[in-house]
Every structure is written in structure tokens, then in C-alpha cells.
Amino acid sequence: MLFGASVAFAWLELTAILFEMALVLLASVAGGVLYHLAYYEVFPPVDGFLGIGVVGAVLHLFIAKLQGLYDAPVLAGLDRRWSRLLCGWLLVVLLLTLFIFLLKAGAGVSRGSMLSFGLVGAAALILGRATLQRPLQRALDRGTLATRPAIVVGTLEELSRLRATDLLRKYGLTEVARITLPDPLDQRAPDSGDPQFIDGAIRLVRESRAEEIVLAISWDQQDRIGAVCEQLRASPLPVHLLPDHTTERFLSMPIVATGPLPTVEMQRAPLSAFERICKRTFDLVVASGLLVVLLPVLIAAAIMIRLDSSGPILFRQRRNGFDGKSFSILKFRTMHVIEDGNVVEQARPGDPRITRIGKHMRRHSIDELPQLVNVVRGEMSLVGPRPHAIAHDDKFSKLIASYAFRQHVKPGITGLAQVNGLRGPTPRVEDMRLRVERDLAYIKGWSFMLDLRIILQTFGELLWGRAH
């Protein structure tokens, strides 16, 4: 059985790296061959696909390593990062595509085979991770996952909170012995500096197979920590201080190197720098492609607007975007009026201000298509909280305390609130509060898979022609 015997943490990373590199290589060959068999009905030469697979495997290695996807807790499924895995893989495929087609390095590689490679590779990586996680979790539960053996030295208060399983899961250490420091308030107990106590502790360290010593002492006992460390200098083993019950909560947060000394990230940005790169790359590629594909629709819509009523083809209105920065949102004009002042009346069903062609365009969300230009400009994203008129932002930000949190990410053409039926006018504060709750849930739980699900749901709603 895989990992049935004792397995060292040190081998996990190398095993996972080699395993996933092999998966990427096989996915490249399988994706290319399957595409050619299905589309051309011929078995292609695999040399080109092997070369792409090798480059893709190396790119995946570096990107996954930067994301910490080979850390033991992640491999064992204790720290799930499926969205990061898929984001990283998307970046690999996009980089490969740019390299091949912009530099004309792969004349025999088609776009279809690259798409097939991307889909097969994503499925293979997910299944591969799931395959690794089950035996690793069983090994953790059974204690057969060999880690660095350590002796724990600490106070009774801290040791009572520290279980051997916690030491294994949180720090990758196996406890081989435990030494309880005497209580300094107990006059009957020897002082921690007692030669007999120190000699006994050092002897236990030498007789055990421990590779390091860890201290479980409250961080407010600085003098005692210093004294114990000084006494343990008689042992050549490294000594590490574990977080106490107070600081553990803070040290579990990301440590950011903002200067000579690191800081604890108490509130992270909704998306990390890498996640923003992935989301922006996806937005740019998809929005640009949709603008090209939908160009006939855009031209036809512009002509119909011009013939139906007087006025500009495009409707521009100031909206607040990421971090409250205003921009001009683009929409096809569907009304006889253009409002962008301190008072903006929301459109309602049967509104006489809506033009004849505007009624049909709003039903199928065709009026929103020019916002793909906003996405390409970087002012919006495909998925995110819908931006409201600045007049509405000013109104609801005073009535809903968490309203401004919606601007922690870029606004979107569609969002979690919209695919859950929260679209159209919001005449009551409660209607807007429900929409804000969905927007905040999206920001807090963002993942690449969530974006894909929202986009697919949006396409489904467009096919049914649900009104704004």
C-alpha cells in the first residue's frame, strides 16, 4: 500500500514533484493525441507534444513551488489550495501558448491540442492530488508518517495544551520524550536550574534518537526561556521555541517581510498578488476573445440603437471601482434619458424611459457587452460585485455598514449576487443588504472555480433570457 510503511516528510516533496511532472508530460501527449484522433482522425507524431510536456512540467514545478503547493500539510490535504493549483495551471498553459504561437515555436501544434492539453492536465493534477492525499492522511492518523523526532521541554500549562498529534500535524515533528519543567511557585519542586534536573534532561536527550529540542513555554516568561536555552547549550541539538497558546493564533497568519523585520498579516488583501495575476490574465484573454467573437453582435446592436431612437449609442456613467476609484462604465444605451448626477432613478419593469429595442437588449443582457472593454482596460473583471451608480453608493454606504467592503475587489460584469437572483432594482434597503451579503461572501470565498461556476451560471441565465 502506498505510504503503508513509515515515510519521511523529506521524501514527500520530491515524490510529489516527480509524480506531477510525469502527469503533466502524459497530459500533453494524451491531450494532443486525443484531439488529433477526434478532429483529424489520424494518430499524430508525439515528439512535439513531448517537448511541450517537458516545458510545461518545468513551468508547473516552479509555479507550484512558489505557491507552497508542495508543503506537507498541503499535500496531505490539511491546507486545501485547489484554486491556487488551478490558477497556477492556467498560468502554465497561457505562458506555453504565448511562447508557442507568438514565437512560432510550434508550427505543428494547434490551438485545439493546447486546449485539450489544458483540460486533461487540470483533471490529471486534481486527480493526482486526491490520489496522494488519502494515503497521506491515513499515515498521519496512524502515526506511520516518519518526521523529525523531537524532545519537548515545557511548562505544565503549555504541555497540557500540546498533544503529540498536534506536534505532528502543525510542525511535522514526532515526540519521542516530554520533559515538564518544575513549577517555580512550588517550593517542593527543584528549580529549573537545579543541576540534577538539568543533568537528567541532558541525559535523556542524549539517550533518545531526537534530532531537535522544542520548547513549550509561555512567551511572556522571557527570563525562563533564556535560562532554559542557556542550560540546553550542553546539547548539540537545535532548540526551537513553539508558539504559546496566545501567539499561535497570530503566527498561523501569513508572515510578510515588509522591511528588516517581518510583520504578521492581520488582514490580507482579498486576492494575493499571484491570484490577481491569474484573474487578470483570465479576464484579459477571455474578454479579448469575446470582443472578437461577438463583434457582429456589437455592430448589429449599435445599428439598431441608432435606428430606434435619437441619442448616443453608448451610455457612460461614473461608477466606483476597486478601492473606490471611479471610472466610466460602458453600456449600450437602452433608455431615452442619460442620468449621471446626484440623483439616479433605477430602471423598473415597464419603465417608459426604456426604448423599444432597449427592452429586448436588457432582457438578454446585450446592453452589458460593451463592459468587455472595461475589462480589457483593467477597470472591471468578468466576475465581481456589480458596480452601482455613484449616487447609489453614497446613499447605501450610509445605510449599510459593510457596503464599502464591496470595493475590495474589481467590480464585475456578473457576480455571485446576480446568479442567485439578486439583480435588477433595489427599492428597499433590505434588497441591497441581501446583495451586499452575497458580494461579501464572494470576496471572502473567492476561488478560480467559483469564478468559472458563476460564468457558466450567467450563460445559462442569458439563454433563458431573464430580465434585469
Protein backbone atom coordinates (compact mmCIF):
# COMPACT_ATOMS: atom_id res chain seq x y z
CA MET A 1 0.00 0.00 0.00
CA LEU A 2 1.25 3.47 -0.85
CA PHE A 3 2.76 5.08 2.27
CA GLY A 4 1.80 1.97 4.23
CA ALA A 5 5.22 1.84 5.84
CA SER A 6 6.99 4.62 7.64
CA VAL A 7 7.53 7.52 5.24
CA ALA A 8 9.69 10.57 5.91
CA PHE A 9 8.42 14.09 5.31
CA ALA A 10 11.65 14.83 3.45
CA TRP A 11 10.65 12.47 0.64
CA LEU A 12 7.15 13.82 0.19
CA GLU A 13 8.11 16.91 -1.78
CA LEU A 14 10.38 15.04 -4.18
CA THR A 15 7.78 12.31 -4.69
CA ALA A 16 5.02 14.83 -5.38
CA ILE A 17 7.22 16.84 -7.78
CA LEU A 18 8.21 13.82 -9.85
CA PHE A 19 4.65 12.49 -9.80
CA GLU A 20 3.11 15.75 -11.05
CA MET A 21 5.81 16.35 -13.66
CA ALA A 22 5.04 12.89 -15.05
CA LEU A 23 1.32 13.73 -15.04
CA VAL A 24 1.91 16.95 -16.99
CA LEU A 25 4.07 15.12 -19.53
CA LEU A 26 1.45 12.40 -20.01
CA ALA A 27 -1.33 15.01 -20.21
CA SER A 28 0.49 16.80 -23.02
CA VAL A 29 0.80 13.62 -25.07
CA ALA A 30 -2.70 12.37 -24.24
CA GLY A 31 -4.33 15.74 -24.93
CA GLY A 32 -2.62 16.15 -28.29
CA VAL A 33 -3.25 12.60 -29.43
CA LEU A 34 -6.91 12.62 -28.36
CA TYR A 35 -7.56 15.92 -30.13
CA HIS A 36 -6.00 14.74 -33.41
CA LEU A 37 -7.82 11.42 -33.28
CA ALA A 38 -11.16 13.14 -32.64
CA TYR A 39 -10.75 16.04 -35.09
CA TYR A 40 -8.41 14.77 -37.82
CA GLU A 41 -8.93 11.00 -37.31
CA VAL A 42 -5.18 10.39 -37.54
CA PHE A 43 -2.57 9.40 -34.97
CA PRO A 44 -0.07 12.30 -34.82
CA PRO A 45 3.67 12.17 -34.06
CA VAL A 46 4.21 12.72 -30.36
CA ASP A 47 7.63 14.43 -30.47
CA GLY A 48 6.14 17.94 -30.34
CA PHE A 49 3.78 17.03 -27.53
CA LEU A 50 6.65 15.54 -25.51
CA GLY A 51 8.60 18.78 -25.86
CA ILE A 52 5.61 20.85 -24.76
CA GLY A 53 5.07 18.47 -21.87
CA VAL A 54 8.65 18.85 -20.64
CA VAL A 55 8.47 22.66 -20.73
CA GLY A 56 5.02 22.59 -19.11
CA ALA A 57 6.24 20.26 -16.35
CA VAL A 58 9.16 22.57 -15.53
CA LEU A 59 6.89 25.65 -15.51
CA HIS A 60 4.41 23.85 -13.25
CA LEU A 61 7.22 22.89 -10.88
CA PHE A 62 8.40 26.47 -10.43
CA ILE A 63 4.93 27.99 -10.13
CA ALA A 64 3.66 25.32 -7.71
CA LYS A 65 6.82 25.65 -5.64
CA LEU A 66 6.33 29.43 -5.38
CA GLN A 67 2.76 28.85 -4.21
CA GLY A 68 3.82 26.42 -1.47
CA LEU A 69 1.83 23.59 -3.05
CA TYR A 70 4.46 21.00 -2.10
CA ASP A 71 4.37 21.71 1.63
CA ALA A 72 3.47 18.62 3.61
CA PRO A 73 0.18 19.99 5.07
CA VAL A 74 -0.96 20.95 1.56
CA LEU A 75 -0.05 17.57 0.09
CA ALA A 76 -1.88 15.82 2.92
CA GLY A 77 -4.99 17.92 2.33
CA LEU A 78 -4.81 19.71 5.68
CA ASP A 79 -4.45 23.03 3.87
CA ARG A 80 -6.58 22.90 0.71
CA ARG A 81 -5.42 25.09 -2.15
CA TRP A 82 -7.38 23.78 -5.14
CA SER A 83 -7.91 27.29 -6.51
CA ARG A 84 -4.18 28.01 -6.38
CA LEU A 85 -3.43 24.73 -8.12
CA LEU A 86 -5.85 25.54 -10.94
CA CYS A 87 -4.72 29.18 -11.15
CA GLY A 88 -1.13 28.06 -11.44
CA TRP A 89 -2.01 25.53 -14.12
CA LEU A 90 -3.93 28.16 -16.08
CA LEU A 91 -0.87 30.38 -15.98
CA VAL A 92 1.30 27.48 -17.22
CA VAL A 93 -1.00 26.87 -20.20
CA LEU A 94 -1.20 30.57 -21.06
CA LEU A 95 2.57 31.00 -20.88
CA LEU A 96 3.07 27.95 -23.09
CA THR A 97 0.52 29.24 -25.57
CA LEU A 98 2.18 32.64 -25.75
CA PHE A 99 5.59 31.06 -26.17
CA ILE A 100 4.46 28.68 -28.92
CA PHE A 101 2.28 30.95 -31.01
CA LEU A 102 3.91 34.35 -30.53
CA LEU A 103 7.41 32.99 -31.17
CA LYS A 104 6.13 30.47 -33.74
CA ALA A 105 7.98 27.72 -31.91
CA GLY A 106 5.41 25.02 -32.58
CA ALA A 107 4.16 25.00 -36.15
CA GLY A 108 2.62 21.57 -35.74
CA VAL A 109 0.76 22.41 -32.52
CA SER A 110 -2.83 23.58 -32.91
CA ARG A 111 -4.92 25.67 -30.56
CA GLY A 112 -7.26 22.74 -30.13
CA SER A 113 -4.48 20.46 -28.95
CA MET A 114 -3.34 23.11 -26.45
CA LEU A 115 -6.89 23.46 -25.13
CA SER A 116 -7.12 19.69 -24.84
CA PHE A 117 -3.76 19.65 -23.03
CA GLY A 118 -5.01 22.27 -20.58
CA LEU A 119 -8.21 20.40 -19.77
CA VAL A 120 -6.56 16.97 -19.48
CA GLY A 121 -3.73 18.45 -17.39
CA ALA A 122 -6.13 20.16 -14.97
CA ALA A 123 -8.08 16.94 -14.48
CA ALA A 124 -4.88 14.92 -14.05
CA LEU A 125 -3.44 17.29 -11.44
CA ILE A 126 -6.66 17.31 -9.40
CA LEU A 127 -6.97 13.51 -9.51
CA GLY A 128 -3.27 13.18 -8.74
CA ARG A 129 -3.56 15.36 -5.65
CA ALA A 130 -6.59 13.40 -4.48
CA THR A 131 -4.66 10.16 -5.00
CA LEU A 132 -1.80 11.42 -2.82
CA GLN A 133 -3.99 12.89 -0.09
CA ARG A 134 -5.83 9.77 1.03
CA PRO A 135 -2.79 7.64 1.97
CA LEU A 136 -1.03 10.65 3.46
CA GLN A 137 -4.00 11.42 5.70
CA ARG A 138 -4.17 7.77 6.79
CA ALA A 139 -0.44 7.83 7.53
CA LEU A 140 -0.90 10.97 9.64
CA ASP A 141 -3.77 9.39 11.56
CA ARG A 142 -1.87 6.16 12.20
CA GLY A 143 1.40 7.87 13.05
CA THR A 144 3.29 6.00 10.32
CA LEU A 145 4.45 9.19 8.65
CA ALA A 146 8.02 9.46 9.88
CA THR A 147 9.03 13.01 10.80
CA ARG A 148 11.89 14.59 12.67
CA PRO A 149 12.00 13.12 16.18
CA ALA A 150 11.99 15.75 18.91
CA ILE A 151 12.05 16.10 22.67
CA VAL A 152 9.53 18.55 24.09
CA VAL A 153 10.57 20.65 27.08
CA GLY A 154 7.93 22.88 28.59
CA THR A 155 5.77 24.05 31.44
CA LEU A 156 2.80 22.04 32.65
CA GLU A 157 0.36 24.70 31.42
CA GLU A 158 1.67 24.71 27.85
CA LEU A 159 2.25 20.95 27.66
CA SER A 160 -1.33 20.29 28.72
CA ARG A 161 -2.47 22.03 25.52
CA LEU A 162 0.05 20.30 23.25
CA ARG A 163 -0.83 16.81 22.05
CA ALA A 164 1.56 14.59 20.14
CA THR A 165 -0.82 14.66 17.16
CA ASP A 166 -0.73 18.49 17.21
CA LEU A 167 3.06 18.41 17.10
CA LEU A 168 2.91 16.12 14.07
CA ARG A 169 0.23 17.95 12.13
CA LYS A 170 1.31 21.52 12.86
CA TYR A 171 5.08 21.25 12.97
CA GLY A 172 5.99 17.97 11.27
CA LEU A 173 7.64 16.60 14.44
CA THR A 174 7.34 13.25 16.23
CA GLU A 175 7.51 13.45 20.01
CA VAL A 176 9.91 10.87 21.47
CA ALA A 177 10.01 12.26 25.02
CA ARG A 178 8.49 15.00 27.13
CA ILE A 179 10.16 16.91 29.95
CA THR A 180 7.99 19.01 32.27
CA LEU A 181 9.71 21.96 33.84
CA PRO A 182 9.13 22.34 37.59
CA ASP A 183 6.65 24.94 38.74
CA PRO A 184 8.65 27.92 40.10
CA LEU A 185 5.86 28.57 42.64
CA ASP A 186 6.13 25.06 44.06
CA GLN A 187 8.72 25.26 46.86
CA ARG A 188 8.98 21.46 46.97
CA ALA A 189 10.00 21.18 43.33
CA PRO A 190 13.61 21.69 42.29
CA ASP A 191 14.34 24.90 40.47
CA SER A 192 14.71 24.65 36.72
CA GLY A 193 18.37 25.49 37.22
CA ASP A 194 18.90 22.55 39.60
CA PRO A 195 21.94 20.56 38.36
CA GLN A 196 20.15 17.24 38.94
CA PHE A 197 17.19 18.32 36.80
CA ILE A 198 19.39 19.68 34.01
CA ASP A 199 21.66 16.63 34.06
CA GLY A 200 18.64 14.34 33.82
CA ALA A 201 17.21 16.31 30.91
CA ILE A 202 20.51 16.34 29.01
CA ARG A 203 20.97 12.62 29.62
CA LEU A 204 17.50 11.91 28.25
CA VAL A 205 18.29 14.00 25.17
CA ARG A 206 21.50 12.06 24.57
CA GLU A 207 19.92 8.65 25.08
CA SER A 208 16.97 9.32 22.78
CA ARG A 209 17.04 9.40 19.00
CA ALA A 210 15.86 13.01 18.98
CA GLU A 211 17.12 15.34 16.27
CA GLU A 212 15.97 18.56 17.91
CA ILE A 213 14.54 20.07 21.08
CA VAL A 214 11.38 22.16 21.13
CA LEU A 215 10.33 24.42 23.97
CA ALA A 216 6.70 24.81 25.04
CA ILE A 217 6.93 27.82 27.35
CA SER A 218 4.67 30.86 27.52
CA TRP A 219 6.27 33.73 25.61
CA ASP A 220 5.77 36.13 28.49
CA GLN A 221 8.31 34.11 30.53
CA GLN A 222 11.30 35.57 28.71
CA ASP A 223 13.76 35.10 31.58
CA ARG A 224 12.85 31.44 31.92
CA ILE A 225 13.13 30.85 28.20
CA GLY A 226 16.59 32.39 28.23
CA ALA A 227 17.66 30.34 31.24
CA VAL A 228 16.47 27.03 29.75
CA CYS A 229 18.14 27.78 26.41
CA GLU A 230 21.39 28.58 28.22
CA GLN A 231 21.24 25.30 30.12
CA LEU A 232 20.49 23.30 26.97
CA ARG A 233 23.68 24.54 25.33
CA ALA A 234 25.26 21.37 26.69
CA SER A 235 23.38 19.53 23.90
CA PRO A 236 24.42 19.99 20.24
CA LEU A 237 20.81 19.61 19.06
CA PRO A 238 18.97 22.65 17.68
CA VAL A 239 16.45 24.23 20.04
CA HIS A 240 13.19 25.74 18.75
CA LEU A 241 10.53 27.71 20.62
CA LEU A 242 6.93 26.73 19.86
CA PRO A 243 4.20 29.40 19.74
CA ASP A 244 2.30 29.55 23.02
CA HIS A 245 -1.50 29.47 23.23
CA THR A 246 -1.65 33.27 22.87
CA THR A 247 0.70 33.80 19.94
CA GLU A 248 -0.23 30.68 17.97
CA ARG A 249 -3.30 32.41 16.57
CA PHE A 250 -1.19 35.26 15.24
CA LEU A 251 1.68 33.15 13.93
CA SER A 252 -0.76 31.00 11.98
CA MET A 253 -1.38 34.11 9.89
CA PRO A 254 0.95 34.92 6.98
CA ILE A 255 4.31 36.42 7.90
CA VAL A 256 5.17 39.24 5.49
CA ALA A 257 8.66 40.67 5.02
CA THR A 258 7.84 44.38 4.76
CA GLY A 259 11.29 45.53 5.91
CA PRO A 260 14.24 44.39 8.02
CA LEU A 261 11.76 42.77 10.42
CA PRO A 262 8.73 40.73 9.27
CA THR A 263 5.17 41.58 10.18
CA VAL A 264 2.08 39.46 10.81
CA GLU A 265 -0.57 39.95 8.16
CA MET A 266 -3.70 40.52 10.25
CA GLN A 267 -5.88 41.29 7.21
CA ARG A 268 -4.80 40.10 3.80
CA ALA A 269 -5.90 41.52 0.51
CA PRO A 270 -8.94 39.64 -0.84
CA LEU A 271 -6.68 38.21 -3.54
CA SER A 272 -2.96 37.56 -3.30
CA ALA A 273 -0.60 39.03 -5.88
CA PHE A 274 -0.42 35.70 -7.70
CA GLU A 275 -4.19 35.27 -7.65
CA ARG A 276 -4.63 38.79 -9.06
CA ILE A 277 -2.24 37.92 -11.88
CA CYS A 278 -4.20 34.76 -12.67
CA LYS A 279 -7.55 36.54 -12.54
CA ARG A 280 -6.30 39.45 -14.65
CA THR A 281 -4.77 37.09 -17.23
CA PHE A 282 -8.01 35.13 -17.45
CA ASP A 283 -10.06 38.34 -17.76
CA LEU A 284 -7.82 39.75 -20.49
CA VAL A 285 -7.76 36.57 -22.59
CA VAL A 286 -11.49 35.80 -22.29
CA ALA A 287 -12.70 39.41 -22.71
CA SER A 288 -10.49 39.97 -25.76
CA GLY A 289 -11.69 36.73 -27.31
CA LEU A 290 -15.34 37.56 -26.66
CA LEU A 291 -14.95 41.00 -28.22
CA VAL A 292 -13.65 39.38 -31.40
CA VAL A 293 -16.28 36.63 -31.47
CA LEU A 294 -19.17 38.97 -30.62
CA LEU A 295 -18.11 41.78 -32.97
CA PRO A 296 -21.05 41.11 -35.38
CA VAL A 297 -23.48 41.28 -32.43
CA LEU A 298 -21.93 44.53 -31.22
CA ILE A 299 -22.20 46.11 -34.68
CA ALA A 300 -25.81 44.93 -35.12
CA ALA A 301 -26.76 46.29 -31.69
CA ALA A 302 -25.19 49.67 -32.46
CA ILE A 303 -27.13 49.91 -35.75
CA MET A 304 -30.45 49.02 -34.11
CA ILE A 305 -29.94 51.59 -31.36
CA ARG A 306 -29.19 54.28 -33.92
CA LEU A 307 -32.32 53.41 -35.95
CA ASP A 308 -34.60 53.04 -32.92
CA SER A 309 -34.10 56.38 -31.14
CA SER A 310 -32.02 59.52 -31.13
CA GLY A 311 -29.05 59.85 -28.86
CA PRO A 312 -25.63 58.25 -28.40
CA ILE A 313 -25.10 54.54 -28.99
CA LEU A 314 -23.12 54.04 -25.80
CA PHE A 315 -24.25 55.00 -22.33
CA ARG A 316 -21.47 56.17 -20.00
CA GLN A 317 -21.91 56.55 -16.29
CA ARG A 318 -19.44 57.08 -13.45
CA ARG A 319 -19.09 54.12 -11.13
CA ASN A 320 -16.82 53.35 -8.20
CA GLY A 321 -14.36 50.55 -8.84
CA PHE A 322 -11.55 48.90 -6.90
CA ASP A 323 -10.61 50.86 -3.77
CA GLY A 324 -13.24 53.49 -4.58
CA LYS A 325 -11.54 54.72 -7.76
CA SER A 326 -14.15 56.00 -10.21
CA PHE A 327 -14.34 55.01 -13.87
CA SER A 328 -16.82 55.36 -16.73
CA ILE A 329 -18.78 52.17 -17.26
CA LEU A 330 -19.82 51.41 -20.85
CA LYS A 331 -23.25 50.07 -21.80
CA PHE A 332 -25.42 50.16 -24.87
CA ARG A 333 -28.00 52.90 -24.39
CA THR A 334 -31.40 51.36 -23.64
CA MET A 335 -33.25 54.43 -22.33
CA HIS A 336 -34.33 57.81 -23.68
CA VAL A 337 -32.55 59.56 -20.79
CA ILE A 338 -28.96 59.54 -19.58
CA GLU A 339 -28.62 60.05 -15.83
CA ASP A 340 -25.27 60.53 -14.12
CA GLY A 341 -25.84 63.07 -11.37
CA ASN A 342 -26.54 63.19 -7.67
CA VAL A 343 -29.93 61.54 -8.23
CA VAL A 344 -30.22 58.43 -10.42
CA GLU A 345 -33.57 56.66 -10.66
CA GLN A 346 -33.24 52.90 -11.13
CA ALA A 347 -35.00 51.29 -14.08
CA ARG A 348 -38.06 49.25 -13.19
CA PRO A 349 -40.27 46.81 -15.11
CA GLY A 350 -42.41 48.66 -17.66
CA ASP A 351 -40.36 51.85 -17.26
CA PRO A 352 -41.48 54.27 -20.03
CA ARG A 353 -37.92 55.60 -20.26
CA ILE A 354 -36.76 52.29 -21.80
CA THR A 355 -36.63 52.26 -25.62
CA ARG A 356 -38.27 49.59 -27.73
CA ILE A 357 -35.00 47.91 -28.69
CA GLY A 358 -33.65 48.56 -25.20
CA LYS A 359 -36.32 46.32 -23.69
CA HIS A 360 -35.08 43.31 -25.67
CA MET A 361 -31.42 44.14 -25.13
CA ARG A 362 -31.87 44.33 -21.37
CA ARG A 363 -33.74 41.02 -21.28
CA HIS A 364 -30.75 39.24 -22.84
CA SER A 365 -28.10 41.47 -21.21
CA ILE A 366 -26.81 42.58 -24.61
CA ASP A 367 -26.55 46.11 -23.21
CA GLU A 368 -23.79 44.88 -20.87
CA LEU A 369 -21.47 43.66 -23.65
CA PRO A 370 -19.50 46.94 -24.02
CA GLN A 371 -18.26 46.34 -20.47
CA LEU A 372 -15.87 43.81 -22.01
CA VAL A 373 -13.91 46.93 -23.00
CA ASN A 374 -13.86 47.96 -19.32
CA VAL A 375 -12.47 44.51 -18.52
CA VAL A 376 -9.72 44.81 -21.13
CA ARG A 377 -8.82 48.26 -19.76
CA GLY A 378 -8.46 46.74 -16.29
CA GLU A 379 -11.30 48.77 -14.76
CA MET A 380 -13.55 45.74 -14.28
CA SER A 381 -13.36 41.97 -14.06
CA LEU A 382 -15.58 39.36 -15.67
CA VAL A 383 -16.77 38.30 -12.21
CA GLY A 384 -17.12 40.53 -9.16
CA PRO A 385 -19.63 42.73 -7.31
CA ARG A 386 -21.76 44.71 -9.76
CA PRO A 387 -20.84 48.43 -9.66
CA HIS A 388 -23.65 50.82 -8.83
CA ALA A 389 -24.12 54.45 -9.74
CA ILE A 390 -22.11 56.77 -7.50
CA ALA A 391 -25.35 58.34 -6.27
CA HIS A 392 -26.49 54.89 -5.06
CA ASP A 393 -23.08 54.21 -3.47
CA ASP A 394 -23.35 57.43 -1.49
CA LYS A 395 -26.85 56.50 -0.35
CA PHE A 396 -26.34 52.88 0.66
CA SER A 397 -22.88 53.32 2.20
CA LYS A 398 -24.59 55.42 4.89
CA LEU A 399 -27.29 52.80 5.49
CA ILE A 400 -25.26 49.56 5.27
CA ALA A 401 -22.06 49.42 7.35
CA SER A 402 -20.31 46.79 5.21
CA TYR A 403 -21.30 48.32 1.86
CA ALA A 404 -17.84 49.80 1.15
CA PHE A 405 -16.21 46.34 1.51
CA ARG A 406 -17.55 45.52 -1.96
CA GLN A 407 -14.78 47.69 -3.37
CA HIS A 408 -12.03 45.41 -2.05
CA VAL A 409 -12.00 43.75 -5.49
CA LYS A 410 -12.67 44.95 -9.01
CA PRO A 411 -16.36 45.20 -9.97
CA GLY A 412 -17.63 42.57 -12.38
CA ILE A 413 -19.94 42.19 -15.33
CA THR A 414 -21.62 39.41 -13.38
CA GLY A 415 -21.36 38.22 -9.80
CA LEU A 416 -22.49 35.81 -7.12
CA ALA A 417 -25.45 38.01 -6.22
CA GLN A 418 -26.68 38.15 -9.83
CA VAL A 419 -26.65 34.36 -10.38
CA ASN A 420 -28.60 33.95 -7.14
CA GLY A 421 -31.50 36.09 -8.35
CA LEU A 422 -30.37 39.35 -6.72
CA ARG A 423 -30.39 41.58 -9.78
CA GLY A 424 -32.42 44.48 -11.04
CA PRO A 425 -33.73 47.42 -8.99
CA THR A 426 -33.26 47.60 -5.23
CA PRO A 427 -36.07 49.86 -3.97
CA ARG A 428 -35.65 48.72 -0.36
CA VAL A 429 -32.55 48.83 1.80
CA GLU A 430 -33.14 45.16 2.63
CA ASP A 431 -32.84 44.27 -1.06
CA MET A 432 -29.45 45.93 -1.24
CA ARG A 433 -28.37 44.37 2.04
CA LEU A 434 -29.01 40.89 0.62
CA ARG A 435 -26.99 41.76 -2.47
CA VAL A 436 -24.12 43.09 -0.36
CA GLU A 437 -24.11 39.88 1.71
CA ARG A 438 -23.63 37.83 -1.46
CA ASP A 439 -20.92 40.19 -2.70
CA LEU A 440 -19.00 39.89 0.57
CA ALA A 441 -19.39 36.10 0.50
CA TYR A 442 -17.82 36.13 -2.97
CA ILE A 443 -14.89 38.27 -1.82
CA LYS A 444 -14.25 36.11 1.24
CA GLY A 445 -14.57 32.78 -0.56
CA TRP A 446 -13.03 33.67 -3.92
CA SER A 447 -11.57 30.85 -5.96
CA PHE A 448 -10.94 30.28 -9.62
CA MET A 449 -13.55 27.52 -9.60
CA LEU A 450 -16.11 29.92 -8.14
CA ASP A 451 -15.48 32.37 -10.99
CA LEU A 452 -15.96 29.60 -13.56
CA ARG A 453 -19.19 28.45 -11.90
CA ILE A 454 -20.59 32.00 -11.89
CA ILE A 455 -19.69 32.49 -15.56
CA LEU A 456 -21.39 29.22 -16.54
CA GLN A 457 -24.48 30.11 -14.50
CA THR A 458 -24.57 33.52 -16.15
CA PHE A 459 -24.53 31.99 -19.62
CA GLY A 460 -27.37 29.71 -18.55
CA GLU A 461 -29.44 32.67 -17.38
CA LEU A 462 -28.75 34.54 -20.62
CA LEU A 463 -30.08 31.61 -22.62
CA TRP A 464 -33.30 31.71 -20.57
CA GLY A 465 -33.50 35.47 -21.11
CA ARG A 466 -34.07 36.50 -17.50
CA ALA A 467 -34.76 40.22 -17.21
CA HIS A 468 -32.65 42.68 -15.26
